[in-house]
Amino acid sequence: MIDYTKTSDGLYAYQYPRASVTADAVLFAKKDGQIYVLLIQRGNEPYKGCFWLTQ
């Protein structure tokens, strides 16, 4: 059963509401007494060049 339609701009419109689920995690490491956190540097707009937590 297909419960969505594709709009003219390429997006999908669903007949029923969809649940939104997210999960956040931060990766820490400890080496030689230093604490590190994993970040990524954005390569595309928006926020090109800014650092973010991974997703």
Protein backbone atom coordinates (compact mmCIF):
# COMPACT_ATOMS: atom_id res chain seq x y z
CA MET A 1 0.00 0.00 0.00
CA ILE A 2 1.45 3.35 -1.04
CA ASP A 3 0.37 6.16 1.28
CA TYR A 4 2.36 9.03 -0.25
CA THR A 5 2.42 11.16 -3.36
CA LYS A 6 5.35 12.91 -4.97
CA THR A 7 4.85 16.65 -5.38
CA SER A 8 6.00 18.68 -8.39
CA ASP A 9 9.09 19.88 -6.48
CA GLY A 10 10.25 16.31 -5.83
CA LEU A 11 9.19 16.10 -2.18
CA TYR A 12 6.87 13.50 -0.71
CA ALA A 13 3.49 14.24 0.86
CA TYR A 14 2.20 11.52 3.16
CA GLN A 15 -1.45 10.77 3.78
CA TYR A 16 -0.84 10.17 7.52
CA PRO A 17 1.53 11.95 9.93
CA ARG A 18 4.96 10.39 10.36
CA ALA A 19 6.68 9.98 13.70
CA SER A 20 9.99 11.81 14.07
CA VAL A 21 12.73 9.92 15.84
CA THR A 22 16.21 11.20 16.60
CA ALA A 23 19.16 9.81 18.49
CA ASP A 24 22.11 11.86 19.64
CA ALA A 25 25.49 10.52 20.68
CA VAL A 26 28.84 12.15 21.37
CA LEU A 27 32.05 10.15 20.97
CA PHE A 28 34.74 10.92 23.54
CA ALA A 29 38.22 9.43 23.74
CA LYS A 30 40.91 9.77 26.36
CA LYS A 31 44.56 9.49 25.34
CA ASP A 32 47.64 10.52 27.30
CA GLY A 33 45.51 12.43 29.80
CA GLN A 34 43.78 14.46 27.06
CA ILE A 35 40.07 14.21 26.28
CA TYR A 36 39.02 14.30 22.62
CA VAL A 37 35.60 14.64 21.00
CA LEU A 38 34.75 13.59 17.44
CA LEU A 39 33.66 16.52 15.24
CA ILE A 40 33.15 16.92 11.50
CA GLN A 41 33.82 20.02 9.45
CA ARG A 42 30.97 20.85 7.10
CA GLY A 43 31.97 20.83 3.43
CA ASN A 44 28.70 22.14 2.00
CA GLU A 45 26.31 24.97 2.61
CA PRO A 46 24.69 25.82 4.90
CA TYR A 47 27.40 26.29 7.52
CA LYS A 48 30.28 25.36 5.22
CA GLY A 49 33.53 25.24 7.22
CA CYS A 50 31.81 25.05 10.61
CA PHE A 51 32.41 22.17 13.01
CA TRP A 52 29.53 19.91 14.06
CA LEU A 53 28.93 16.81 16.07
CA THR A 54 28.53 13.81 13.79
CA GLN A 55 25.07 12.60 12.87
